[in-house]
């Protein structure tokens, strides 16, 4: 199912982007 793969990729991208923002904010605070 291509739709399932596309949906999973979108979810992964959203989660990764959110985690990246949190990581950058934490790194700036600790710097």
N, C-alpha and C. Protein backbone atom coordinates (compact mmCIF):
# COMPACT_ATOMS: atom_id res chain seq x y z
N UNK A 1 0.83 -1.21 0.00
CA UNK A 1 0.00 0.00 0.00
C UNK A 1 0.86 1.26 0.00
N UNK A 2 0.90 1.95 -1.12
CA UNK A 2 1.73 3.15 -1.21
C UNK A 2 1.22 4.24 -0.27
N UNK A 3 -0.10 4.34 -0.13
CA UNK A 3 -0.66 5.39 0.74
C UNK A 3 -0.18 5.18 2.18
N UNK A 4 -0.10 3.93 2.60
CA UNK A 4 0.36 3.66 3.97
C UNK A 4 1.81 4.09 4.13
N UNK A 5 2.64 3.80 3.13
CA UNK A 5 4.06 4.18 3.21
C UNK A 5 4.20 5.70 3.23
N UNK A 6 3.41 6.38 2.40
CA UNK A 6 3.49 7.85 2.35
C UNK A 6 3.04 8.43 3.69
N UNK A 7 1.95 7.90 4.24
CA UNK A 7 1.48 8.39 5.53
C UNK A 7 2.52 8.17 6.61
N UNK A 8 3.15 7.00 6.60
CA UNK A 8 4.19 6.73 7.60
C UNK A 8 5.37 7.66 7.44
N UNK A 9 5.74 7.96 6.20
CA UNK A 9 6.87 8.87 5.97
C UNK A 9 6.55 10.27 6.48
N UNK A 10 5.31 10.72 6.26
CA UNK A 10 4.91 12.05 6.73
C UNK A 10 4.96 12.10 8.26
N UNK A 11 4.46 11.06 8.91
CA UNK A 11 4.48 11.01 10.37
C UNK A 11 5.92 11.02 10.87
N UNK A 12 6.79 10.22 10.25
CA UNK A 12 8.19 10.18 10.68
C UNK A 12 8.84 11.54 10.51
N UNK A 13 8.56 12.21 9.39
CA UNK A 13 9.15 13.53 9.16
C UNK A 13 8.67 14.51 10.22
N UNK A 14 7.39 14.47 10.56
CA UNK A 14 6.85 15.38 11.56
C UNK A 14 7.48 15.12 12.92
N UNK A 15 7.59 13.85 13.29
CA UNK A 15 8.19 13.51 14.59
C UNK A 15 9.66 13.92 14.61
N UNK A 16 10.38 13.66 13.50
CA UNK A 16 11.80 14.00 13.45
C UNK A 16 12.01 15.51 13.52
N UNK A 17 11.15 16.27 12.84
CA UNK A 17 11.27 17.73 12.85
C UNK A 17 11.02 18.25 14.27
N UNK A 18 10.02 17.70 14.94
CA UNK A 18 9.71 18.15 16.31
C UNK A 18 10.87 17.82 17.24
N UNK A 19 11.41 16.60 17.12
CA UNK A 19 12.53 16.21 17.97
C UNK A 19 13.74 17.07 17.67
N UNK A 20 13.95 17.41 16.40
CA UNK A 20 15.09 18.25 16.03
C UNK A 20 14.99 19.63 16.66
N UNK A 21 13.78 20.21 16.68
CA UNK A 21 13.61 21.52 17.31
C UNK A 21 13.91 21.43 18.79
N UNK A 22 13.40 20.39 19.46
CA UNK A 22 13.65 20.24 20.89
C UNK A 22 15.15 20.08 21.15
N UNK A 23 15.83 19.29 20.29
CA UNK A 23 17.26 19.05 20.49
C UNK A 23 18.05 20.34 20.30
N UNK A 24 17.70 21.11 19.29
CA UNK A 24 18.42 22.36 19.06
C UNK A 24 18.19 23.32 20.22
N UNK A 25 16.96 23.41 20.73
CA UNK A 25 16.67 24.30 21.85
C UNK A 25 17.45 23.86 23.08
N UNK A 26 17.50 22.56 23.33
CA UNK A 26 18.23 22.06 24.50
C UNK A 26 19.73 22.33 24.33
N UNK A 27 20.25 22.17 23.13
CA UNK A 27 21.68 22.40 22.90
C UNK A 27 22.00 23.88 23.11
N UNK A 28 21.11 24.77 22.67
CA UNK A 28 21.38 26.20 22.84
C UNK A 28 21.33 26.57 24.32
N UNK A 29 20.40 25.97 25.08
CA UNK A 29 20.31 26.27 26.51
C UNK A 29 21.56 25.79 27.24
N UNK A 30 22.06 24.62 26.86
CA UNK A 30 23.22 24.06 27.58
C UNK A 30 24.52 24.75 27.15
N UNK A 31 24.53 25.36 25.98
CA UNK A 31 25.77 25.99 25.47
C UNK A 31 26.13 27.20 26.33
